[in-house]
């Protein structure tokens, strides 16, 4: 009897965690911003196709630490639509210059067998900058739960 109860408890705990599976093939959008010598936000934000969102906020944000949240299917579809409308696949793989001390943004979009990662240090087109702003805005728009 104790074995059965232990198995049930283990299954329930495992089942709760399964709703947050964050494997690479479930990734839809991720963005990493690196630090600079000034007050540049430094974070990783990842959105999965089930609406689960992870944030690792390192510095120069209102939050610091690791957090999780969720977005609705409707919201996620709207965000994916923005990436598609702006022809994310047509952007260059990197935008760099000889300037120094700028933050670098790495942004990845993945959907149905397509995956592209872009490095944006300097000189990216406005359309790409707008997508980056839309993703970064989630930091202030979502309700975050600290990861213990």
C-alpha atoms as a PDB file:
ATOM      1  CA  UNK A   1       0.000   0.000   0.000  1.00  0.00           C
ATOM      2  CA  UNK A   2       2.829   2.405   0.862  1.00  0.00           C
ATOM      3  CA  UNK A   3       4.415   1.686  -2.518  1.00  0.00           C
ATOM      4  CA  UNK A   4       1.193   2.549  -4.324  1.00  0.00           C
ATOM      5  CA  UNK A   5       0.846   5.831  -2.420  1.00  0.00           C
ATOM      6  CA  UNK A   6       4.488   6.696  -3.112  1.00  0.00           C
ATOM      7  CA  UNK A   7       4.014   5.979  -6.829  1.00  0.00           C
ATOM      8  CA  UNK A   8       0.845   8.111  -6.924  1.00  0.00           C
ATOM      9  CA  UNK A   9       2.554  11.035  -5.163  1.00  0.00           C
ATOM     10  CA  UNK A  10       5.566  10.765  -7.486  1.00  0.00           C
ATOM     11  CA  UNK A  11       3.271  10.647 -10.543  1.00  0.00           C
ATOM     12  CA  UNK A  12       1.339  13.711  -9.408  1.00  0.00           C
ATOM     13  CA  UNK A  13       4.536  15.690  -8.796  1.00  0.00           C
ATOM     14  CA  UNK A  14       5.954  14.613 -12.131  1.00  0.00           C
ATOM     15  CA  UNK A  15       2.689  15.487 -13.859  1.00  0.00           C
ATOM     16  CA  UNK A  16       2.728  19.023 -12.433  1.00  0.00           C
ATOM     17  CA  UNK A  17       6.217  19.583 -13.789  1.00  0.00           C
ATOM     18  CA  UNK A  18       5.260  18.112 -17.190  1.00  0.00           C
ATOM     19  CA  UNK A  19       3.035  21.122 -17.910  1.00  0.00           C
ATOM     20  CA  UNK A  20       6.185  23.210 -17.992  1.00  0.00           C
ATOM     21  CA  UNK A  21       8.288  21.054 -20.311  1.00  0.00           C
ATOM     22  CA  UNK A  22      10.814  23.338 -21.927  1.00  0.00           C
ATOM     23  CA  UNK A  23      12.650  21.239 -24.475  1.00  0.00           C
ATOM     24  CA  UNK A  24      14.356  22.840 -27.472  1.00  0.00           C
ATOM     25  CA  UNK A  25      11.793  21.684 -30.031  1.00  0.00           C
ATOM     26  CA  UNK A  26       9.076  23.462 -28.034  1.00  0.00           C
ATOM     27  CA  UNK A  27      10.896  26.800 -28.241  1.00  0.00           C
ATOM     28  CA  UNK A  28       9.177  29.503 -30.271  1.00  0.00           C
ATOM     29  CA  UNK A  29      11.014  32.729 -29.433  1.00  0.00           C
ATOM     30  CA  UNK A  30      14.069  33.452 -27.347  1.00  0.00           C
ATOM     31  CA  UNK A  31      15.992  36.628 -26.776  1.00  0.00           C
ATOM     32  CA  UNK A  32      19.234  37.301 -24.950  1.00  0.00           C
ATOM     33  CA  UNK A  33      20.545  40.788 -24.248  1.00  0.00           C
ATOM     34  CA  UNK A  34      24.131  41.136 -23.104  1.00  0.00           C
ATOM     35  CA  UNK A  35      25.484  43.787 -20.730  1.00  0.00           C
ATOM     36  CA  UNK A  36      27.404  46.914 -21.673  1.00  0.00           C
ATOM     37  CA  UNK A  37      29.486  49.325 -19.584  1.00  0.00           C
ATOM     38  CA  UNK A  38      26.342  51.344 -18.792  1.00  0.00           C
ATOM     39  CA  UNK A  39      22.831  50.497 -17.572  1.00  0.00           C
ATOM     40  CA  UNK A  40      21.914  48.097 -20.395  1.00  0.00           C
ATOM     41  CA  UNK A  41      19.407  45.387 -19.447  1.00  0.00           C
ATOM     42  CA  UNK A  42      21.035  41.944 -19.228  1.00  0.00           C
ATOM     43  CA  UNK A  43      18.615  39.023 -19.528  1.00  0.00           C
ATOM     44  CA  UNK A  44      17.459  35.858 -21.293  1.00  0.00           C
ATOM     45  CA  UNK A  45      13.771  35.477 -22.130  1.00  0.00           C
ATOM     46  CA  UNK A  46      12.336  32.313 -23.682  1.00  0.00           C
ATOM     47  CA  UNK A  47       8.796  31.626 -24.900  1.00  0.00           C
ATOM     48  CA  UNK A  48       7.601  28.086 -25.581  1.00  0.00           C
ATOM     49  CA  UNK A  49       4.748  26.951 -27.802  1.00  0.00           C
ATOM     50  CA  UNK A  50       2.615  26.004 -24.789  1.00  0.00           C
ATOM     51  CA  UNK A  51       2.745  29.656 -23.637  1.00  0.00           C
ATOM     52  CA  UNK A  52       5.250  29.015 -20.842  1.00  0.00           C
ATOM     53  CA  UNK A  53       7.770  31.870 -20.495  1.00  0.00           C
ATOM     54  CA  UNK A  54      11.115  31.870 -18.676  1.00  0.00           C
ATOM     55  CA  UNK A  55      13.094  34.944 -17.666  1.00  0.00           C
ATOM     56  CA  UNK A  56      16.627  35.092 -16.315  1.00  0.00           C
ATOM     57  CA  UNK A  57      16.990  38.755 -15.314  1.00  0.00           C
ATOM     58  CA  UNK A  58      20.597  39.516 -14.430  1.00  0.00           C
ATOM     59  CA  UNK A  59      20.945  43.301 -14.138  1.00  0.00           C
ATOM     60  CA  UNK A  60      19.489  46.722 -14.910  1.00  0.00           C
ATOM     61  CA  UNK A  61      15.867  45.549 -14.777  1.00  0.00           C
ATOM     62  CA  UNK A  62      13.149  45.966 -12.154  1.00  0.00           C
ATOM     63  CA  UNK A  63      13.490  42.205 -11.544  1.00  0.00           C
ATOM     64  CA  UNK A  64      16.605  40.218 -10.731  1.00  0.00           C
ATOM     65  CA  UNK A  65      16.705  36.435 -10.707  1.00  0.00           C
ATOM     66  CA  UNK A  66      14.895  33.598 -12.447  1.00  0.00           C
ATOM     67  CA  UNK A  67      11.164  33.857 -13.110  1.00  0.00           C
ATOM     68  CA  UNK A  68       8.362  32.125 -14.990  1.00  0.00           C
ATOM     69  CA  UNK A  69       5.082  33.294 -16.456  1.00  0.00           C
ATOM     70  CA  UNK A  70       2.588  32.368 -19.173  1.00  0.00           C
ATOM     71  CA  UNK A  71       1.073  33.988 -22.225  1.00  0.00           C
ATOM     72  CA  UNK A  72      -2.230  33.056 -23.767  1.00  0.00           C
ATOM     73  CA  UNK A  73      -2.451  31.128 -27.021  1.00  0.00           C
ATOM     74  CA  UNK A  74      -4.034  34.203 -28.622  1.00  0.00           C
ATOM     75  CA  UNK A  75      -1.185  36.460 -27.485  1.00  0.00           C
ATOM     76  CA  UNK A  76       1.455  33.974 -28.636  1.00  0.00           C
ATOM     77  CA  UNK A  77      -0.208  33.687 -32.051  1.00  0.00           C
ATOM     78  CA  UNK A  78      -0.217  37.496 -32.371  1.00  0.00           C
ATOM     79  CA  UNK A  79       3.482  37.643 -31.503  1.00  0.00           C
ATOM     80  CA  UNK A  80       4.299  34.849 -33.963  1.00  0.00           C
ATOM     81  CA  UNK A  81       2.274  36.772 -36.556  1.00  0.00           C
ATOM     82  CA  UNK A  82       4.504  39.817 -36.034  1.00  0.00           C
ATOM     83  CA  UNK A  83       7.594  37.697 -36.726  1.00  0.00           C
ATOM     84  CA  UNK A  84       5.995  36.285 -39.873  1.00  0.00           C
ATOM     85  CA  UNK A  85       4.671  39.667 -41.105  1.00  0.00           C
ATOM     86  CA  UNK A  86       8.154  41.152 -40.737  1.00  0.00           C
ATOM     87  CA  UNK A  87       9.711  38.245 -42.691  1.00  0.00           C
ATOM     88  CA  UNK A  88      12.046  37.255 -39.883  1.00  0.00           C
ATOM     89  CA  UNK A  89      13.633  34.657 -42.166  1.00  0.00           C
ATOM     90  CA  UNK A  90      14.770  37.412 -44.563  1.00  0.00           C
ATOM     91  CA  UNK A  91      16.888  39.293 -42.013  1.00  0.00           C
ATOM     92  CA  UNK A  92      20.652  38.822 -42.128  1.00  0.00           C
ATOM     93  CA  UNK A  93      22.176  36.441 -39.573  1.00  0.00           C
ATOM     94  CA  UNK A  94      24.128  39.245 -37.928  1.00  0.00           C
ATOM     95  CA  UNK A  95      24.305  43.016 -37.731  1.00  0.00           C
ATOM     96  CA  UNK A  96      27.684  44.160 -36.419  1.00  0.00           C
ATOM     97  CA  UNK A  97      29.952  47.198 -36.555  1.00  0.00           C
ATOM     98  CA  UNK A  98      33.281  48.452 -35.232  1.00  0.00           C
ATOM     99  CA  UNK A  99      31.595  50.471 -32.486  1.00  0.00           C
ATOM    100  CA  UNK A 100      32.406  49.470 -28.928  1.00  0.00           C
ATOM    101  CA  UNK A 101      30.456  48.984 -25.707  1.00  0.00           C
ATOM    102  CA  UNK A 102      27.052  48.311 -27.225  1.00  0.00           C
ATOM    103  CA  UNK A 103      24.876  45.492 -25.902  1.00  0.00           C
ATOM    104  CA  UNK A 104      24.299  42.551 -28.214  1.00  0.00           C
ATOM    105  CA  UNK A 105      20.840  41.099 -28.747  1.00  0.00           C
ATOM    106  CA  UNK A 106      20.488  37.501 -29.876  1.00  0.00           C
ATOM    107  CA  UNK A 107      16.957  36.738 -31.020  1.00  0.00           C
ATOM    108  CA  UNK A 108      15.710  33.336 -32.190  1.00  0.00           C
ATOM    109  CA  UNK A 109      12.457  32.389 -33.879  1.00  0.00           C
ATOM    110  CA  UNK A 110      11.465  28.770 -34.437  1.00  0.00           C
ATOM    111  CA  UNK A 111       8.303  27.381 -36.004  1.00  0.00           C
ATOM    112  CA  UNK A 112       7.400  24.224 -37.928  1.00  0.00           C
ATOM    113  CA  UNK A 113      10.909  23.129 -38.915  1.00  0.00           C
ATOM    114  CA  UNK A 114      12.179  26.690 -39.407  1.00  0.00           C
ATOM    115  CA  UNK A 115      14.734  28.107 -36.964  1.00  0.00           C
ATOM    116  CA  UNK A 116      16.796  31.258 -37.237  1.00  0.00           C
ATOM    117  CA  UNK A 117      19.027  33.057 -34.741  1.00  0.00           C
ATOM    118  CA  UNK A 118      20.125  36.643 -35.353  1.00  0.00           C
ATOM    119  CA  UNK A 119      22.929  38.561 -33.685  1.00  0.00           C
ATOM    120  CA  UNK A 120      22.149  42.279 -33.421  1.00  0.00           C
ATOM    121  CA  UNK A 121      25.065  44.370 -32.194  1.00  0.00           C
ATOM    122  CA  UNK A 122      24.539  47.444 -34.369  1.00  0.00           C
ATOM    123  CA  UNK A 123      22.787  48.445 -37.568  1.00  0.00           C
ATOM    124  CA  UNK A 124      19.742  46.155 -37.572  1.00  0.00           C
ATOM    125  CA  UNK A 125      16.694  47.344 -39.532  1.00  0.00           C
ATOM    126  CA  UNK A 126      13.788  49.006 -37.737  1.00  0.00           C
ATOM    127  CA  UNK A 127      11.525  45.966 -38.298  1.00  0.00           C
ATOM    128  CA  UNK A 128      13.922  43.751 -36.344  1.00  0.00           C
ATOM    129  CA  UNK A 129      14.341  46.371 -33.594  1.00  0.00           C
ATOM    130  CA  UNK A 130      10.535  46.527 -33.296  1.00  0.00           C
ATOM    131  CA  UNK A 131      10.371  42.741 -32.813  1.00  0.00           C
ATOM    132  CA  UNK A 132      13.074  42.951 -30.140  1.00  0.00           C
ATOM    133  CA  UNK A 133      11.107  45.700 -28.356  1.00  0.00           C
ATOM    134  CA  UNK A 134       7.919  43.601 -28.482  1.00  0.00           C
ATOM    135  CA  UNK A 135       9.690  40.670 -26.822  1.00  0.00           C
ATOM    136  CA  UNK A 136      11.476  42.845 -24.251  1.00  0.00           C
ATOM    137  CA  UNK A 137       8.170  44.543 -23.355  1.00  0.00           C
ATOM    138  CA  UNK A 138       6.990  41.233 -21.897  1.00  0.00           C
ATOM    139  CA  UNK A 139       9.331  41.814 -18.957  1.00  0.00           C
ATOM    140  CA  UNK A 140       7.167  44.689 -17.726  1.00  0.00           C
ATOM    141  CA  UNK A 141       3.827  43.385 -19.037  1.00  0.00           C
ATOM    142  CA  UNK A 142       3.711  39.866 -17.589  1.00  0.00           C
ATOM    143  CA  UNK A 143       3.098  38.783 -14.010  1.00  0.00           C
ATOM    144  CA  UNK A 144       6.228  36.866 -12.991  1.00  0.00           C
ATOM    145  CA  UNK A 145       6.625  34.127 -10.411  1.00  0.00           C
ATOM    146  CA  UNK A 146      10.074  33.741  -8.857  1.00  0.00           C
ATOM    147  CA  UNK A 147      11.726  30.364  -9.345  1.00  0.00           C
ATOM    148  CA  UNK A 148      13.013  28.933  -6.079  1.00  0.00           C
END
